[in-house]
Amino acid sequence: MWFAVFLAVQATAIRFWEEPHLARRFGGEYLDYRRHVSRWIPRLSAWTPTE
């Protein structure tokens, strides 16, 4: 049960604190990255930003 609580706290912290912080810090670059990379499921191929 404690593991489920830990995961819920981490998911909430990432969604409501870390992601807005990264968006403020890196701006459009982070928003572009977030649009192309899933939050929880890893990609099978590397993502490369377009210029």
PDB file of N, CA and C in Angstrom:
ATOM      1  N   MET A   1       0.820  -1.191   0.000  1.00  0.00           N
ATOM      2  CA  MET A   1       0.000   0.000   0.000  1.00  0.00           C
ATOM      3  C   MET A   1       0.865   1.256   0.000  1.00  0.00           C
ATOM      4  N   TRP A   2       1.957   1.259   0.732  1.00  0.00           N
ATOM      5  CA  TRP A   2       2.809   2.447   0.780  1.00  0.00           C
ATOM      6  C   TRP A   2       3.402   2.765  -0.578  1.00  0.00           C
ATOM      7  N   PHE A   3       3.656   1.715  -1.369  1.00  0.00           N
ATOM      8  CA  PHE A   3       4.192   1.936  -2.706  1.00  0.00           C
ATOM      9  C   PHE A   3       3.178   2.674  -3.577  1.00  0.00           C
ATOM     10  N   ALA A   4       1.905   2.327  -3.454  1.00  0.00           N
ATOM     11  CA  ALA A   4       0.854   3.006  -4.219  1.00  0.00           C
ATOM     12  C   ALA A   4       0.751   4.472  -3.805  1.00  0.00           C
ATOM     13  N   VAL A   5       0.872   4.735  -2.515  1.00  0.00           N
ATOM     14  CA  VAL A   5       0.851   6.117  -2.026  1.00  0.00           C
ATOM     15  C   VAL A   5       2.057   6.876  -2.571  1.00  0.00           C
ATOM     16  N   PHE A   6       3.221   6.255  -2.536  1.00  0.00           N
ATOM     17  CA  PHE A   6       4.437   6.873  -3.065  1.00  0.00           C
ATOM     18  C   PHE A   6       4.269   7.220  -4.543  1.00  0.00           C
ATOM     19  N   LEU A   7       3.748   6.277  -5.337  1.00  0.00           N
ATOM     20  CA  LEU A   7       3.544   6.536  -6.764  1.00  0.00           C
ATOM     21  C   LEU A   7       2.552   7.671  -7.001  1.00  0.00           C
ATOM     22  N   ALA A   8       1.497   7.721  -6.216  1.00  0.00           N
ATOM     23  CA  ALA A   8       0.505   8.786  -6.364  1.00  0.00           C
ATOM     24  C   ALA A   8       1.109  10.150  -6.041  1.00  0.00           C
ATOM     25  N   VAL A   9       1.920  10.208  -4.991  1.00  0.00           N
ATOM     26  CA  VAL A   9       2.574  11.473  -4.619  1.00  0.00           C
ATOM     27  C   VAL A   9       3.552  11.896  -5.708  1.00  0.00           C
ATOM     28  N   GLN A  10       4.333  10.963  -6.220  1.00  0.00           N
ATOM     29  CA  GLN A  10       5.295  11.279  -7.283  1.00  0.00           C
ATOM     30  C   GLN A  10       4.586  11.760  -8.547  1.00  0.00           C
ATOM     31  N   ALA A  11       3.535  11.075  -8.944  1.00  0.00           N
ATOM     32  CA  ALA A  11       2.799  11.466 -10.150  1.00  0.00           C
ATOM     33  C   ALA A  11       2.215  12.863  -9.998  1.00  0.00           C
ATOM     34  N   THR A  12       1.700  13.165  -8.813  1.00  0.00           N
ATOM     35  CA  THR A  12       1.138  14.487  -8.560  1.00  0.00           C
ATOM     36  C   THR A  12       2.224  15.555  -8.576  1.00  0.00           C
ATOM     37  N   ALA A  13       3.352  15.276  -7.950  1.00  0.00           N
ATOM     38  CA  ALA A  13       4.452  16.245  -7.916  1.00  0.00           C
ATOM     39  C   ALA A  13       4.985  16.514  -9.313  1.00  0.00           C
ATOM     40  N   ILE A  14       5.130  15.477 -10.105  1.00  0.00           N
ATOM     41  CA  ILE A  14       5.646  15.655 -11.467  1.00  0.00           C
ATOM     42  C   ILE A  14       4.667  16.479 -12.291  1.00  0.00           C
ATOM     43  N   ARG A  15       3.405  16.146 -12.215  1.00  0.00           N
ATOM     44  CA  ARG A  15       2.395  16.813 -13.044  1.00  0.00           C
ATOM     45  C   ARG A  15       2.191  18.269 -12.651  1.00  0.00           C
ATOM     46  N   PHE A  16       2.096  18.561 -11.353  1.00  0.00           N
ATOM     47  CA  PHE A  16       1.697  19.894 -10.923  1.00  0.00           C
ATOM     48  C   PHE A  16       2.836  20.778 -10.445  1.00  0.00           C
ATOM     49  N   TRP A  17       4.048  20.241 -10.251  1.00  0.00           N
ATOM     50  CA  TRP A  17       5.173  21.086  -9.856  1.00  0.00           C
ATOM     51  C   TRP A  17       6.301  21.039 -10.879  1.00  0.00           C
ATOM     52  N   GLU A  18       6.787  19.851 -11.198  1.00  0.00           N
ATOM     53  CA  GLU A  18       7.979  19.753 -12.040  1.00  0.00           C
ATOM     54  C   GLU A  18       7.723  20.194 -13.480  1.00  0.00           C
ATOM     55  N   GLU A  19       6.626  19.755 -14.083  1.00  0.00           N
ATOM     56  CA  GLU A  19       6.373  20.125 -15.476  1.00  0.00           C
ATOM     57  C   GLU A  19       6.167  21.629 -15.659  1.00  0.00           C
ATOM     58  N   PRO A  20       5.374  22.314 -14.831  1.00  0.00           N
ATOM     59  CA  PRO A  20       5.280  23.769 -14.983  1.00  0.00           C
ATOM     60  C   PRO A  20       6.623  24.469 -14.738  1.00  0.00           C
ATOM     61  N   HIS A  21       7.410  23.958 -13.805  1.00  0.00           N
ATOM     62  CA  HIS A  21       8.733  24.532 -13.539  1.00  0.00           C
ATOM     63  C   HIS A  21       9.619  24.418 -14.783  1.00  0.00           C
ATOM     64  N   LEU A  22       9.634  23.250 -15.418  1.00  0.00           N
ATOM     65  CA  LEU A  22      10.436  23.056 -16.627  1.00  0.00           C
ATOM     66  C   LEU A  22       9.928  23.925 -17.773  1.00  0.00           C
ATOM     67  N   ALA A  23       8.615  24.092 -17.882  1.00  0.00           N
ATOM     68  CA  ALA A  23       8.053  24.946 -18.933  1.00  0.00           C
ATOM     69  C   ALA A  23       8.480  26.397 -18.733  1.00  0.00           C
ATOM     70  N   ARG A  24       8.493  26.874 -17.491  1.00  0.00           N
ATOM     71  CA  ARG A  24       8.953  28.248 -17.224  1.00  0.00           C
ATOM     72  C   ARG A  24      10.440  28.387 -17.494  1.00  0.00           C
ATOM     73  N   ARG A  25      11.211  27.379 -17.131  1.00  0.00           N
ATOM     74  CA  ARG A  25      12.664  27.462 -17.265  1.00  0.00           C
ATOM     75  C   ARG A  25      13.129  27.360 -18.716  1.00  0.00           C
ATOM     76  N   PHE A  26      12.538  26.433 -19.491  1.00  0.00           N
ATOM     77  CA  PHE A  26      13.019  26.182 -20.846  1.00  0.00           C
ATOM     78  C   PHE A  26      12.075  26.672 -21.942  1.00  0.00           C
ATOM     79  N   GLY A  27      10.891  27.110 -21.582  1.00  0.00           N
ATOM     80  CA  GLY A  27       9.970  27.703 -22.547  1.00  0.00           C
ATOM     81  C   GLY A  27       9.544  26.762 -23.662  1.00  0.00           C
ATOM     82  N   GLY A  28       9.597  27.289 -24.894  1.00  0.00           N
ATOM     83  CA  GLY A  28       9.122  26.561 -26.065  1.00  0.00           C
ATOM     84  C   GLY A  28       9.854  25.258 -26.321  1.00  0.00           C
ATOM     85  N   GLU A  29      11.137  25.214 -25.986  1.00  0.00           N
ATOM     86  CA  GLU A  29      11.901  23.971 -26.185  1.00  0.00           C
ATOM     87  C   GLU A  29      11.284  22.822 -25.390  1.00  0.00           C
ATOM     88  N   TYR A  30      10.958  23.099 -24.124  1.00  0.00           N
ATOM     89  CA  TYR A  30      10.372  22.045 -23.290  1.00  0.00           C
ATOM     90  C   TYR A  30       8.971  21.686 -23.773  1.00  0.00           C
ATOM     91  N   LEU A  31       8.195  22.681 -24.174  1.00  0.00           N
ATOM     92  CA  LEU A  31       6.845  22.399 -24.648  1.00  0.00           C
ATOM     93  C   LEU A  31       6.878  21.533 -25.902  1.00  0.00           C
ATOM     94  N   ASP A  32       7.830  21.792 -26.796  1.00  0.00           N
ATOM     95  CA  ASP A  32       7.997  20.962 -27.991  1.00  0.00           C
ATOM     96  C   ASP A  32       8.397  19.540 -27.597  1.00  0.00           C
ATOM     97  N   TYR A  33       9.330  19.427 -26.668  1.00  0.00           N
ATOM     98  CA  TYR A  33       9.769  18.112 -26.171  1.00  0.00           C
ATOM     99  C   TYR A  33       8.591  17.355 -25.558  1.00  0.00           C
ATOM    100  N   ARG A  34       7.820  18.039 -24.720  1.00  0.00           N
ATOM    101  CA  ARG A  34       6.694  17.399 -24.042  1.00  0.00           C
ATOM    102  C   ARG A  34       5.621  16.939 -25.033  1.00  0.00           C
ATOM    103  N   ARG A  35       5.466  17.676 -26.113  1.00  0.00           N
ATOM    104  CA  ARG A  35       4.499  17.294 -27.135  1.00  0.00           C
ATOM    105  C   ARG A  35       4.884  15.986 -27.831  1.00  0.00           C
ATOM    106  N   HIS A  36       6.183  15.698 -27.912  1.00  0.00           N
ATOM    107  CA  HIS A  36       6.653  14.540 -28.666  1.00  0.00           C
ATOM    108  C   HIS A  36       7.082  13.352 -27.804  1.00  0.00           C
ATOM    109  N   VAL A  37       7.218  13.548 -26.509  1.00  0.00           N
ATOM    110  CA  VAL A  37       7.699  12.479 -25.627  1.00  0.00           C
ATOM    111  C   VAL A  37       6.651  12.219 -24.545  1.00  0.00           C
ATOM    112  N   SER A  38       6.265  10.961 -24.406  1.00  0.00           N
ATOM    113  CA  SER A  38       5.261  10.578 -23.421  1.00  0.00           C
ATOM    114  C   SER A  38       5.783  10.757 -21.996  1.00  0.00           C
ATOM    115  N   ARG A  39       4.893  11.041 -21.087  1.00  0.00           N
ATOM    116  CA  ARG A  39       5.280  11.246 -19.694  1.00  0.00           C
ATOM    117  C   ARG A  39       5.697   9.945 -19.020  1.00  0.00           C
ATOM    118  N   TRP A  40       4.985   8.857 -19.267  1.00  0.00           N
ATOM    119  CA  TRP A  40       5.228   7.619 -18.530  1.00  0.00           C
ATOM    120  C   TRP A  40       5.712   6.460 -19.383  1.00  0.00           C
ATOM    121  N   ILE A  41       5.357   6.415 -20.643  1.00  0.00           N
ATOM    122  CA  ILE A  41       5.716   5.279 -21.500  1.00  0.00           C
ATOM    123  C   ILE A  41       6.903   5.680 -22.377  1.00  0.00           C
ATOM    124  N   PRO A  42       8.027   4.988 -22.262  1.00  0.00           N
ATOM    125  CA  PRO A  42       9.213   5.368 -23.039  1.00  0.00           C
ATOM    126  C   PRO A  42       9.018   5.126 -24.536  1.00  0.00           C
ATOM    127  N   ARG A  43       9.715   5.937 -25.328  1.00  0.00           N
ATOM    128  CA  ARG A  43       9.694   5.773 -26.790  1.00  0.00           C
ATOM    129  C   ARG A  43      10.610   4.621 -27.181  1.00  0.00           C
ATOM    130  N   LEU A  44      10.300   3.981 -28.304  1.00  0.00           N
ATOM    131  CA  LEU A  44      11.152   2.914 -28.810  1.00  0.00           C
ATOM    132  C   LEU A  44      12.296   3.471 -29.650  1.00  0.00           C
ATOM    133  N   SER A  45      12.135   4.698 -30.137  1.00  0.00           N
ATOM    134  CA  SER A  45      13.200   5.346 -30.902  1.00  0.00           C
ATOM    135  C   SER A  45      13.505   6.698 -30.265  1.00  0.00           C
ATOM    136  N   ALA A  46      14.691   7.185 -30.505  1.00  0.00           N
ATOM    137  CA  ALA A  46      15.099   8.463 -29.921  1.00  0.00           C
ATOM    138  C   ALA A  46      14.338   9.613 -30.573  1.00  0.00           C
ATOM    139  N   TRP A  47      14.023  10.631 -29.783  1.00  0.00           N
ATOM    140  CA  TRP A  47      13.387  11.827 -30.315  1.00  0.00           C
ATOM    141  C   TRP A  47      14.473  12.847 -30.597  1.00  0.00           C
ATOM    142  N   THR A  48      14.437  13.409 -31.781  1.00  0.00           N
ATOM    143  CA  THR A  48      15.387  14.467 -32.125  1.00  0.00           C
ATOM    144  C   THR A  48      14.601  15.710 -32.494  1.00  0.00           C
ATOM    145  N   PRO A  49      14.923  16.833 -31.878  1.00  0.00           N
ATOM    146  CA  PRO A  49      14.187  18.067 -32.174  1.00  0.00           C
ATOM    147  C   PRO A  49      14.463  18.543 -33.596  1.00  0.00           C
ATOM    148  N   THR A  50      13.447  19.130 -34.215  1.00  0.00           N
ATOM    149  CA  THR A  50      13.629  19.715 -35.541  1.00  0.00           C
ATOM    150  C   THR A  50      13.981  21.183 -35.382  1.00  0.00           C
ATOM    151  N   GLU A  51      14.769  21.673 -36.262  1.00  0.00           N
ATOM    152  CA  GLU A  51      15.210  23.072 -36.170  1.00  0.00           C
ATOM    153  C   GLU A  51      14.517  23.923 -37.182  1.00  0.00           C
TER     154      GLU A  51
END
